[in-house]
């Protein structure tokens, strides 16, 4: 908004300087007109730098995070998938794998301590969920994964424990994801 006001004031002043130069063609009005014209061109054609957030590394990292872990995608899948006897394609949790394995370096750390703490909580929850997927689900004949259906009849306690653990860990992932987004919106004014 400030840049718009500056542009309008500069344009009005430039118009006044041109009128002055037309009535008094001396160095004073010429220098003022030239300076205001250069300012006009700079304000009009220079890329906007008035938005500090475009240079905020945490905001840029958060935008990358949303591309990696959107609410629609693996997060929605783990939030809605019933693990009790239903199979799924492993690609459904690709976002989780990508986040877990690619977001464990200095390039993916937030400078903001609150955001970084939430990112670590989410990463830990994702790691526990992926570990549970590995130990509690197995490949089916059609290339999908599921908690073995035969456990329900042959090992009902193991089946119930595996399903409950997967659902509980999925909820932790979803909650941690939501919390990171909420905190980021507040901290980064997005």
N, C-alpha and C. Protein backbone atom coordinates (compact mmCIF):
# COMPACT_ATOMS: atom_id res chain seq x y z
N UNK A 1 0.83 -1.19 0.00
CA UNK A 1 0.00 0.00 0.00
C UNK A 1 0.87 1.25 0.00
N UNK A 2 1.95 1.23 0.77
CA UNK A 2 2.84 2.37 0.85
C UNK A 2 3.47 2.66 -0.51
N UNK A 3 3.83 1.62 -1.22
CA UNK A 3 4.46 1.81 -2.53
C UNK A 3 3.50 2.48 -3.51
N UNK A 4 2.22 2.18 -3.41
CA UNK A 4 1.22 2.80 -4.29
C UNK A 4 1.11 4.29 -3.98
N UNK A 5 1.09 4.63 -2.70
CA UNK A 5 1.03 6.05 -2.30
C UNK A 5 2.27 6.79 -2.81
N UNK A 6 3.44 6.16 -2.66
CA UNK A 6 4.68 6.79 -3.16
C UNK A 6 4.63 7.00 -4.66
N UNK A 7 4.12 6.03 -5.39
CA UNK A 7 4.02 6.16 -6.85
C UNK A 7 3.10 7.32 -7.23
N UNK A 8 1.97 7.44 -6.57
CA UNK A 8 1.01 8.51 -6.87
C UNK A 8 1.61 9.87 -6.55
N UNK A 9 2.23 9.99 -5.37
CA UNK A 9 2.85 11.27 -4.99
C UNK A 9 3.97 11.63 -5.95
N UNK A 10 4.78 10.65 -6.34
CA UNK A 10 5.87 10.93 -7.28
C UNK A 10 5.32 11.38 -8.63
N UNK A 11 4.27 10.74 -9.11
CA UNK A 11 3.69 11.10 -10.40
C UNK A 11 3.13 12.52 -10.36
N UNK A 12 2.42 12.85 -9.30
CA UNK A 12 1.86 14.20 -9.17
C UNK A 12 2.96 15.25 -9.11
N UNK A 13 4.00 14.96 -8.34
CA UNK A 13 5.13 15.89 -8.24
C UNK A 13 5.85 16.01 -9.58
N UNK A 14 6.00 14.91 -10.28
CA UNK A 14 6.63 14.92 -11.60
C UNK A 14 5.83 15.80 -12.57
N UNK A 15 4.52 15.69 -12.53
CA UNK A 15 3.68 16.51 -13.41
C UNK A 15 3.87 18.00 -13.08
N UNK A 16 3.95 18.31 -11.78
CA UNK A 16 4.19 19.70 -11.38
C UNK A 16 5.56 20.18 -11.83
N UNK A 17 6.58 19.32 -11.73
CA UNK A 17 7.93 19.69 -12.14
C UNK A 17 8.01 19.92 -13.65
N UNK A 18 7.28 19.11 -14.44
CA UNK A 18 7.25 19.29 -15.89
C UNK A 18 6.61 20.64 -16.23
N UNK A 19 5.53 20.97 -15.52
CA UNK A 19 4.87 22.27 -15.76
C UNK A 19 5.81 23.42 -15.39
N UNK A 20 6.54 23.27 -14.30
CA UNK A 20 7.51 24.31 -13.89
C UNK A 20 8.61 24.44 -14.94
N UNK A 21 9.11 23.28 -15.42
CA UNK A 21 10.17 23.29 -16.43
C UNK A 21 9.69 23.96 -17.72
N UNK A 22 8.41 23.78 -18.07
CA UNK A 22 7.86 24.39 -19.28
C UNK A 22 7.81 25.90 -19.16
N UNK A 23 7.58 26.41 -17.97
CA UNK A 23 7.50 27.87 -17.78
C UNK A 23 8.85 28.49 -17.43
N UNK A 24 9.79 27.66 -16.92
CA UNK A 24 11.10 28.18 -16.50
C UNK A 24 12.18 27.16 -16.88
N UNK A 25 12.63 27.18 -18.14
CA UNK A 25 13.59 26.17 -18.58
C UNK A 25 15.02 26.44 -18.10
N UNK A 26 15.20 26.33 -16.77
CA UNK A 26 16.54 26.51 -16.19
C UNK A 26 16.99 25.20 -15.55
N UNK A 27 18.19 25.23 -14.97
CA UNK A 27 18.76 24.01 -14.38
C UNK A 27 17.94 23.47 -13.21
N UNK A 28 17.43 24.30 -12.36
CA UNK A 28 16.68 23.86 -11.18
C UNK A 28 15.50 22.97 -11.53
N UNK A 29 14.56 23.48 -12.35
CA UNK A 29 13.42 22.64 -12.74
C UNK A 29 13.84 21.42 -13.57
N UNK A 30 14.90 21.55 -14.37
CA UNK A 30 15.36 20.43 -15.20
C UNK A 30 15.90 19.30 -14.32
N UNK A 31 16.70 19.64 -13.32
CA UNK A 31 17.25 18.61 -12.42
C UNK A 31 16.14 17.94 -11.62
N UNK A 32 15.23 18.75 -11.10
CA UNK A 32 14.11 18.19 -10.34
C UNK A 32 13.26 17.26 -11.21
N UNK A 33 12.96 17.68 -12.44
CA UNK A 33 12.17 16.86 -13.35
C UNK A 33 12.89 15.55 -13.67
N UNK A 34 14.18 15.65 -13.96
CA UNK A 34 14.97 14.45 -14.27
C UNK A 34 15.01 13.49 -13.09
N UNK A 35 15.21 14.00 -11.90
CA UNK A 35 15.26 13.16 -10.70
C UNK A 35 13.91 12.48 -10.45
N UNK A 36 12.83 13.23 -10.58
CA UNK A 36 11.51 12.66 -10.38
C UNK A 36 11.16 11.64 -11.46
N UNK A 37 11.64 11.88 -12.69
CA UNK A 37 11.39 10.93 -13.77
C UNK A 37 12.13 9.62 -13.50
N UNK A 38 13.38 9.71 -13.05
CA UNK A 38 14.15 8.50 -12.72
C UNK A 38 13.48 7.75 -11.57
N UNK A 39 13.00 8.49 -10.58
CA UNK A 39 12.30 7.86 -9.46
C UNK A 39 11.02 7.18 -9.95
N UNK A 40 10.30 7.84 -10.86
CA UNK A 40 9.09 7.26 -11.42
C UNK A 40 9.40 5.94 -12.12
N UNK A 41 10.42 5.93 -12.97
CA UNK A 41 10.81 4.72 -13.70
C UNK A 41 11.21 3.61 -12.72
N UNK A 42 12.00 3.97 -11.71
CA UNK A 42 12.45 2.98 -10.72
C UNK A 42 11.27 2.38 -9.97
N UNK A 43 10.36 3.22 -9.52
CA UNK A 43 9.19 2.71 -8.78
C UNK A 43 8.28 1.87 -9.67
N UNK A 44 8.20 2.22 -10.93
CA UNK A 44 7.28 1.56 -11.83
C UNK A 44 7.80 0.21 -12.33
N UNK A 45 9.10 0.13 -12.57
CA UNK A 45 9.62 -1.06 -13.24
C UNK A 45 10.54 -1.93 -12.40
N UNK A 46 10.93 -1.46 -11.25
CA UNK A 46 11.76 -2.28 -10.36
C UNK A 46 10.87 -3.32 -9.70
N UNK A 47 11.32 -4.60 -9.63
CA UNK A 47 10.50 -5.61 -8.94
C UNK A 47 10.23 -5.18 -7.50
N UNK A 48 9.04 -5.48 -7.06
CA UNK A 48 8.63 -5.07 -5.72
C UNK A 48 9.49 -5.73 -4.66
N UNK A 49 10.03 -4.89 -3.79
CA UNK A 49 10.82 -5.41 -2.66
C UNK A 49 10.18 -4.98 -1.35
N UNK A 50 8.96 -4.45 -1.44
CA UNK A 50 8.32 -4.00 -0.22
C UNK A 50 7.78 -5.15 0.62
N UNK A 51 7.70 -6.35 0.05
CA UNK A 51 7.20 -7.49 0.79
C UNK A 51 8.38 -8.23 1.41
N UNK A 52 8.63 -7.99 2.68
CA UNK A 52 9.77 -8.60 3.37
C UNK A 52 9.69 -10.12 3.35
N UNK A 53 8.48 -10.68 3.28
CA UNK A 53 8.32 -12.12 3.35
C UNK A 53 8.94 -12.85 2.17
N UNK A 54 9.09 -12.16 1.03
CA UNK A 54 9.67 -12.84 -0.12
C UNK A 54 11.13 -13.20 0.15
N UNK A 55 11.74 -12.55 1.12
CA UNK A 55 13.13 -12.83 1.47
C UNK A 55 13.24 -13.57 2.80
N UNK A 56 12.12 -13.99 3.33
CA UNK A 56 12.12 -14.70 4.60
C UNK A 56 12.39 -16.18 4.34
N UNK A 57 13.55 -16.68 4.76
CA UNK A 57 13.87 -18.09 4.48
C UNK A 57 12.87 -19.06 5.10
N UNK A 58 12.32 -18.73 6.26
CA UNK A 58 11.34 -19.62 6.88
C UNK A 58 10.06 -19.68 6.05
N UNK A 59 9.65 -18.55 5.50
CA UNK A 59 8.45 -18.56 4.66
C UNK A 59 8.70 -19.38 3.40
N UNK A 60 9.86 -19.22 2.81
CA UNK A 60 10.20 -20.01 1.61
C UNK A 60 10.25 -21.50 1.95
N UNK A 61 10.83 -21.85 3.09
CA UNK A 61 10.91 -23.25 3.50
C UNK A 61 9.52 -23.80 3.79
N UNK A 62 8.66 -22.99 4.39
CA UNK A 62 7.30 -23.44 4.67
C UNK A 62 6.55 -23.71 3.36
N UNK A 63 6.76 -22.88 2.36
CA UNK A 63 6.12 -23.12 1.07
C UNK A 63 6.61 -24.45 0.48
N UNK A 64 7.89 -24.75 0.63
CA UNK A 64 8.43 -26.04 0.16
C UNK A 64 7.83 -27.19 0.97
N UNK A 65 7.66 -26.96 2.26
CA UNK A 65 7.05 -27.97 3.12
C UNK A 65 5.64 -28.31 2.63
N UNK A 66 4.86 -27.28 2.32
CA UNK A 66 3.49 -27.51 1.86
C UNK A 66 3.45 -28.27 0.54
N UNK A 67 4.46 -28.08 -0.29
CA UNK A 67 4.54 -28.86 -1.53
C UNK A 67 4.90 -30.31 -1.25
N UNK A 68 5.76 -30.51 -0.26
CA UNK A 68 6.20 -31.86 0.11
C UNK A 68 5.10 -32.61 0.88
N UNK A 69 4.45 -31.91 1.80
CA UNK A 69 3.47 -32.54 2.70
C UNK A 69 2.15 -31.77 2.69
N UNK A 70 1.45 -31.77 1.56
CA UNK A 70 0.17 -31.07 1.52
C UNK A 70 -0.88 -31.80 2.37
N UNK A 71 -1.86 -31.06 2.80
CA UNK A 71 -2.93 -31.68 3.60
C UNK A 71 -3.69 -32.73 2.80
N UNK A 72 -3.78 -32.51 1.51
CA UNK A 72 -4.36 -33.53 0.62
C UNK A 72 -3.18 -34.35 0.14
N UNK A 73 -3.29 -35.62 0.16
CA UNK A 73 -2.16 -36.49 -0.20
C UNK A 73 -1.99 -37.52 0.90
N UNK A 74 -0.75 -37.77 1.29
CA UNK A 74 -0.48 -38.79 2.31
C UNK A 74 -1.13 -38.46 3.65
N UNK A 75 -1.16 -37.18 3.99
CA UNK A 75 -1.78 -36.79 5.27
C UNK A 75 -3.27 -37.15 5.26
N UNK A 76 -3.95 -36.81 4.20
CA UNK A 76 -5.37 -37.16 4.10
C UNK A 76 -5.54 -38.69 4.11
N UNK A 77 -4.65 -39.38 3.41
CA UNK A 77 -4.73 -40.84 3.35
C UNK A 77 -4.61 -41.44 4.75
N UNK A 78 -3.57 -41.09 5.50
CA UNK A 78 -3.41 -41.71 6.83
C UNK A 78 -4.52 -41.29 7.78
N UNK A 79 -5.11 -40.14 7.54
CA UNK A 79 -6.20 -39.67 8.39
C UNK A 79 -7.49 -40.46 8.15
N UNK A 80 -7.64 -41.01 6.95
CA UNK A 80 -8.90 -41.67 6.61
C UNK A 80 -8.78 -43.18 6.40
N UNK A 81 -7.58 -43.70 6.23
CA UNK A 81 -7.40 -45.12 5.91
C UNK A 81 -7.68 -46.01 7.12
N UNK A 82 -8.57 -46.95 6.94
CA UNK A 82 -8.84 -47.96 7.97
C UNK A 82 -7.87 -49.11 7.74
N UNK A 83 -7.02 -49.39 8.69
CA UNK A 83 -6.01 -50.44 8.54
C UNK A 83 -6.54 -51.82 8.93
N UNK A 84 -7.76 -51.88 9.40
CA UNK A 84 -8.33 -53.16 9.83
C UNK A 84 -8.86 -53.94 8.63
N UNK A 85 -7.97 -54.68 7.98
CA UNK A 85 -8.38 -55.56 6.89
C UNK A 85 -8.44 -54.91 5.53
N UNK A 86 -8.02 -53.67 5.41
CA UNK A 86 -8.03 -52.99 4.12
C UNK A 86 -6.60 -52.80 3.63
N UNK A 87 -6.39 -53.05 2.36
CA UNK A 87 -5.05 -52.92 1.79
C UNK A 87 -4.90 -51.53 1.15
N UNK A 88 -3.64 -51.17 0.89
CA UNK A 88 -3.35 -49.87 0.29
C UNK A 88 -2.08 -49.97 -0.55
N UNK A 89 -1.96 -49.06 -1.48
CA UNK A 89 -0.73 -48.95 -2.28
C UNK A 89 0.29 -48.15 -1.47
N UNK A 90 1.51 -48.60 -1.44
CA UNK A 90 2.55 -47.92 -0.67
C UNK A 90 2.76 -46.49 -1.18
N UNK A 91 2.45 -46.25 -2.44
CA UNK A 91 2.61 -44.91 -3.00
C UNK A 91 1.71 -43.90 -2.28
N UNK A 92 0.68 -44.38 -1.61
CA UNK A 92 -0.22 -43.49 -0.86
C UNK A 92 0.51 -42.73 0.24
N UNK A 93 1.63 -43.27 0.70
CA UNK A 93 2.38 -42.60 1.77
C UNK A 93 3.74 -42.09 1.28
N UNK A 94 3.85 -41.87 -0.02
CA UNK A 94 5.10 -41.33 -0.58
C UNK A 94 5.49 -40.00 0.04
N UNK A 95 4.51 -39.12 0.30
CA UNK A 95 4.82 -37.82 0.92
C UNK A 95 5.53 -38.02 2.25
N UNK A 96 5.09 -39.01 3.01
CA UNK A 96 5.69 -39.27 4.32
C UNK A 96 7.14 -39.73 4.17
N UNK A 97 7.37 -40.64 3.24
CA UNK A 97 8.74 -41.10 3.01
C UNK A 97 9.63 -39.95 2.56
N UNK A 98 9.13 -39.15 1.65
CA UNK A 98 9.92 -38.02 1.14
C UNK A 98 10.26 -37.06 2.27
N UNK A 99 9.27 -36.71 3.06
CA UNK A 99 9.51 -35.80 4.19
C UNK A 99 10.50 -36.40 5.17
N UNK A 100 10.29 -37.65 5.52
CA UNK A 100 11.14 -38.27 6.54
C UNK A 100 12.60 -38.36 6.09
N UNK A 101 12.82 -38.75 4.86
CA UNK A 101 14.19 -38.97 4.40
C UNK A 101 14.86 -37.73 3.81
N UNK A 102 14.09 -36.76 3.34
CA UNK A 102 14.69 -35.58 2.73
C UNK A 102 14.73 -34.36 3.65
N UNK A 103 13.95 -34.38 4.71
CA UNK A 103 13.88 -33.21 5.58
C UNK A 103 14.64 -33.43 6.89
N UNK A 104 15.77 -34.09 6.81
CA UNK A 104 16.61 -34.32 7.99
C UNK A 104 18.00 -33.73 7.78
N UNK A 105 18.04 -32.50 7.29
CA UNK A 105 19.33 -31.85 7.09
C UNK A 105 19.19 -30.36 7.40
N UNK A 106 20.30 -29.68 7.42
CA UNK A 106 20.31 -28.26 7.79
C UNK A 106 19.53 -27.40 6.80
N UNK A 107 19.45 -27.83 5.56
CA UNK A 107 18.71 -27.06 4.55
C UNK A 107 17.22 -27.03 4.82
N UNK A 108 16.74 -27.97 5.62
CA UNK A 108 15.31 -28.06 5.89
C UNK A 108 14.98 -27.72 7.35
N UNK A 109 15.82 -26.94 7.97
CA UNK A 109 15.56 -26.49 9.34
C UNK A 109 15.02 -25.07 9.31
N UNK A 110 14.00 -24.83 10.11
CA UNK A 110 13.47 -23.48 10.24
C UNK A 110 14.35 -22.69 11.19
N UNK A 111 14.51 -21.41 10.93
CA UNK A 111 15.23 -20.53 11.85
C UNK A 111 14.39 -20.25 13.10
N UNK A 112 13.09 -20.16 12.89
CA UNK A 112 12.16 -19.92 13.99
C UNK A 112 12.13 -21.17 14.88
N UNK A 113 12.44 -20.99 16.16
CA UNK A 113 12.55 -22.13 17.08
C UNK A 113 11.23 -22.88 17.25
N UNK A 114 10.12 -22.15 17.26
CA UNK A 114 8.82 -22.82 17.42
C UNK A 114 8.52 -23.70 16.21
N UNK A 115 8.80 -23.16 15.02
CA UNK A 115 8.56 -23.94 13.80
C UNK A 115 9.48 -25.15 13.74
N UNK A 116 10.73 -24.94 14.10
CA UNK A 116 11.69 -26.05 14.05
C UNK A 116 11.30 -27.15 15.04
N UNK A 117 10.82 -26.75 16.20
CA UNK A 117 10.37 -27.74 17.19
C UNK A 117 9.19 -28.55 16.62
N UNK A 118 8.25 -27.87 15.99
CA UNK A 118 7.08 -28.56 15.40
C UNK A 118 7.50 -29.45 14.24
N UNK A 119 8.48 -29.02 13.45
CA UNK A 119 8.97 -29.85 12.35
C UNK A 119 9.59 -31.13 12.89
N UNK A 120 10.36 -31.01 13.96
CA UNK A 120 10.98 -32.19 14.57
C UNK A 120 9.93 -33.14 15.16
N UNK A 121 8.90 -32.59 15.77
CA UNK A 121 7.83 -33.42 16.32
C UNK A 121 7.14 -34.18 15.19
N UNK A 122 6.86 -33.47 14.10
CA UNK A 122 6.22 -34.12 12.95
C UNK A 122 7.13 -35.19 12.37
N UNK A 123 8.39 -34.89 12.22
CA UNK A 123 9.32 -35.87 11.63
C UNK A 123 9.42 -37.12 12.50
N UNK A 124 9.43 -36.94 13.80
CA UNK A 124 9.48 -38.08 14.72
C UNK A 124 8.20 -38.92 14.58
N UNK A 125 7.06 -38.26 14.53
CA UNK A 125 5.78 -38.97 14.39
C UNK A 125 5.73 -39.73 13.06
N UNK A 126 6.21 -39.11 12.00
CA UNK A 126 6.24 -39.77 10.68
C UNK A 126 7.15 -40.99 10.74
N UNK A 127 8.31 -40.84 11.38
CA UNK A 127 9.24 -41.97 11.50
C UNK A 127 8.62 -43.15 12.24
N UNK A 128 7.92 -42.87 13.33
CA UNK A 128 7.27 -43.94 14.09
C UNK A 128 6.17 -44.60 13.26
N UNK A 129 5.42 -43.80 12.53
CA UNK A 129 4.37 -44.36 11.68
C UNK A 129 4.96 -45.26 10.60
N UNK A 130 6.01 -44.79 9.94
CA UNK A 130 6.64 -45.59 8.88
C UNK A 130 7.24 -46.87 9.44
N UNK A 131 7.79 -46.79 10.63
CA UNK A 131 8.33 -48.00 11.28
C UNK A 131 7.21 -49.00 11.56
N UNK A 132 6.08 -48.51 12.00
CA UNK A 132 4.93 -49.38 12.27
C UNK A 132 4.38 -49.98 10.98
N UNK A 133 4.36 -49.19 9.91
CA UNK A 133 3.93 -49.72 8.60
C UNK A 133 4.84 -50.87 8.20
N UNK A 134 6.14 -50.69 8.39
CA UNK A 134 7.12 -51.72 8.01
C UNK A 134 6.94 -53.00 8.82
N UNK A 135 6.67 -52.85 10.10
CA UNK A 135 6.59 -54.05 10.94
C UNK A 135 5.19 -54.67 11.03
N UNK A 136 4.16 -53.91 10.69
CA UNK A 136 2.79 -54.42 10.86
C UNK A 136 2.01 -54.66 9.57
N UNK A 137 2.58 -54.28 8.44
CA UNK A 137 1.91 -54.53 7.17
C UNK A 137 2.83 -55.33 6.26
N UNK A 138 2.22 -56.10 5.39
CA UNK A 138 2.98 -56.96 4.48
C UNK A 138 2.38 -56.88 3.10
N UNK A 139 3.21 -57.20 2.11
CA UNK A 139 2.75 -57.16 0.71
C UNK A 139 1.69 -58.22 0.47
N UNK A 140 0.71 -57.83 -0.31
CA UNK A 140 -0.33 -58.78 -0.73
C UNK A 140 -0.02 -59.26 -2.14
N UNK A 141 -0.79 -60.19 -2.63
CA UNK A 141 -0.55 -60.75 -3.97
C UNK A 141 -0.66 -59.70 -5.07
N UNK A 142 -1.49 -58.69 -4.86
CA UNK A 142 -1.67 -57.67 -5.90
C UNK A 142 -0.73 -56.47 -5.74
N UNK A 143 0.30 -56.62 -4.89
CA UNK A 143 1.29 -55.57 -4.74
C UNK A 143 0.91 -54.48 -3.76
N UNK A 144 -0.19 -54.64 -3.08
CA UNK A 144 -0.61 -53.67 -2.08
C UNK A 144 -0.04 -54.09 -0.72
N UNK A 145 -0.34 -53.36 0.31
CA UNK A 145 0.10 -53.71 1.67
C UNK A 145 -1.11 -53.73 2.58
N UNK A 146 -1.02 -54.56 3.61
CA UNK A 146 -2.09 -54.57 4.61
C UNK A 146 -1.61 -55.31 5.86
N UNK A 147 -2.33 -55.04 6.94
CA UNK A 147 -2.16 -55.88 8.12
C UNK A 147 -2.74 -57.22 7.70
N UNK A 148 -2.00 -58.32 7.86
CA UNK A 148 -2.49 -59.62 7.36
C UNK A 148 -3.90 -59.95 7.86
N UNK A 149 -4.77 -60.23 6.93
CA UNK A 149 -6.17 -60.53 7.26
C UNK A 149 -6.28 -61.80 8.11
N UNK A 150 -5.37 -62.75 7.89
CA UNK A 150 -5.46 -64.00 8.66
C UNK A 150 -5.13 -63.78 10.14
N UNK A 151 -4.44 -62.69 10.47
CA UNK A 151 -4.20 -62.38 11.88
C UNK A 151 -5.52 -62.18 12.63
N UNK A 152 -6.50 -61.63 11.95
CA UNK A 152 -7.77 -61.32 12.62
C UNK A 152 -8.39 -62.59 13.22
N UNK A 153 -8.26 -63.73 12.51
CA UNK A 153 -8.81 -65.00 13.01
C UNK A 153 -7.78 -65.77 13.84
N UNK A 154 -6.55 -65.82 13.37
CA UNK A 154 -5.53 -66.66 14.00
C UNK A 154 -4.80 -65.98 15.15
N UNK A 155 -4.64 -64.67 15.10
CA UNK A 155 -3.94 -63.91 16.15
C UNK A 155 -4.68 -62.60 16.41
N UNK A 156 -5.90 -62.70 16.94
CA UNK A 156 -6.73 -61.50 17.08
C UNK A 156 -6.09 -60.39 17.93
N UNK A 157 -5.34 -60.76 18.95
CA UNK A 157 -4.69 -59.73 19.78
C UNK A 157 -3.63 -58.99 18.97
N UNK A 158 -2.85 -59.74 18.22
CA UNK A 158 -1.81 -59.12 17.39
C UNK A 158 -2.44 -58.22 16.32
N UNK A 159 -3.52 -58.70 15.73
CA UNK A 159 -4.22 -57.91 14.71
C UNK A 159 -4.75 -56.61 15.31
N UNK A 160 -5.43 -56.71 16.44
CA UNK A 160 -6.00 -55.52 17.10
C UNK A 160 -4.91 -54.55 17.53
N UNK A 161 -3.82 -55.09 18.06
CA UNK A 161 -2.71 -54.25 18.50
C UNK A 161 -2.08 -53.51 17.31
N UNK A 162 -1.87 -54.22 16.20
CA UNK A 162 -1.26 -53.61 15.01
C UNK A 162 -2.16 -52.51 14.45
N UNK A 163 -3.44 -52.80 14.33
CA UNK A 163 -4.38 -51.82 13.79
C UNK A 163 -4.47 -50.60 14.71
N UNK A 164 -4.58 -50.84 16.01
CA UNK A 164 -4.67 -49.73 16.97
C UNK A 164 -3.41 -48.87 16.93
N UNK A 165 -2.26 -49.51 16.84
CA UNK A 165 -1.00 -48.76 16.79
C UNK A 165 -0.92 -47.91 15.52
N UNK A 166 -1.28 -48.50 14.39
CA UNK A 166 -1.25 -47.74 13.13
C UNK A 166 -2.21 -46.56 13.16
N UNK A 167 -3.40 -46.77 13.69
CA UNK A 167 -4.38 -45.68 13.77
C UNK A 167 -3.91 -44.58 14.73
N UNK A 168 -3.36 -45.00 15.86
CA UNK A 168 -2.87 -44.03 16.85
C UNK A 168 -1.71 -43.20 16.28
N UNK A 169 -0.76 -43.88 15.65
CA UNK A 169 0.39 -43.17 15.08
C UNK A 169 -0.03 -42.29 13.90
N UNK A 170 -1.01 -42.74 13.13
CA UNK A 170 -1.53 -41.92 12.03
C UNK A 170 -2.13 -40.63 12.59
N UNK A 171 -2.86 -40.73 13.69
CA UNK A 171 -3.46 -39.54 14.31
C UNK A 171 -2.38 -38.59 14.81
N UNK A 172 -1.29 -39.13 15.35
CA UNK A 172 -0.17 -38.28 15.80
C UNK A 172 0.43 -37.52 14.62
N UNK A 173 0.58 -38.20 13.49
CA UNK A 173 1.12 -37.55 12.29
C UNK A 173 0.20 -36.43 11.83
N UNK A 174 -1.09 -36.72 11.75
CA UNK A 174 -2.06 -35.74 11.30
C UNK A 174 -2.09 -34.54 12.24
N UNK A 175 -2.11 -34.80 13.54
CA UNK A 175 -2.14 -33.71 14.52
C UNK A 175 -0.87 -32.86 14.46
N UNK A 176 0.29 -33.51 14.34
CA UNK A 176 1.57 -32.77 14.27
C UNK A 176 1.63 -31.94 13.00
N UNK A 177 1.11 -32.47 11.91
CA UNK A 177 1.08 -31.74 10.64
C UNK A 177 0.21 -30.49 10.77
N UNK A 178 -0.98 -30.66 11.32
CA UNK A 178 -1.88 -29.53 11.52
C UNK A 178 -1.25 -28.46 12.41
N UNK A 179 -0.61 -28.91 13.48
CA UNK A 179 0.00 -27.97 14.43
C UNK A 179 1.13 -27.18 13.78
N UNK A 180 1.96 -27.85 12.98
CA UNK A 180 3.04 -27.14 12.29
C UNK A 180 2.45 -26.08 11.36
N UNK A 181 1.41 -26.42 10.63
CA UNK A 181 0.80 -25.45 9.71
C UNK A 181 0.19 -24.29 10.48
N UNK A 182 -0.50 -24.57 11.56
CA UNK A 182 -1.12 -23.48 12.36
C UNK A 182 -0.06 -22.54 12.92
N UNK A 183 1.00 -23.10 13.50
CA UNK A 183 2.06 -22.28 14.07
C UNK A 183 2.74 -21.47 12.96
N UNK A 184 3.00 -22.09 11.83
CA UNK A 184 3.66 -21.39 10.72
C UNK A 184 2.81 -20.22 10.24
N UNK A 185 1.51 -20.43 10.13
CA UNK A 185 0.64 -19.33 9.70
C UNK A 185 0.71 -18.15 10.67
N UNK A 186 0.75 -18.45 11.95
CA UNK A 186 0.84 -17.38 12.94
C UNK A 186 2.21 -16.70 12.94
N UNK A 187 3.26 -17.51 12.91
CA UNK A 187 4.62 -16.98 12.98
C UNK A 187 5.03 -16.24 11.71
N UNK A 188 4.55 -16.72 10.57
CA UNK A 188 4.99 -16.16 9.28
C UNK A 188 3.96 -15.22 8.66
N UNK A 189 2.83 -15.03 9.35
CA UNK A 189 1.76 -14.17 8.85
C UNK A 189 1.32 -14.55 7.45
N UNK A 190 1.06 -15.85 7.25
CA UNK A 190 0.62 -16.29 5.92
C UNK A 190 -0.87 -16.51 5.92
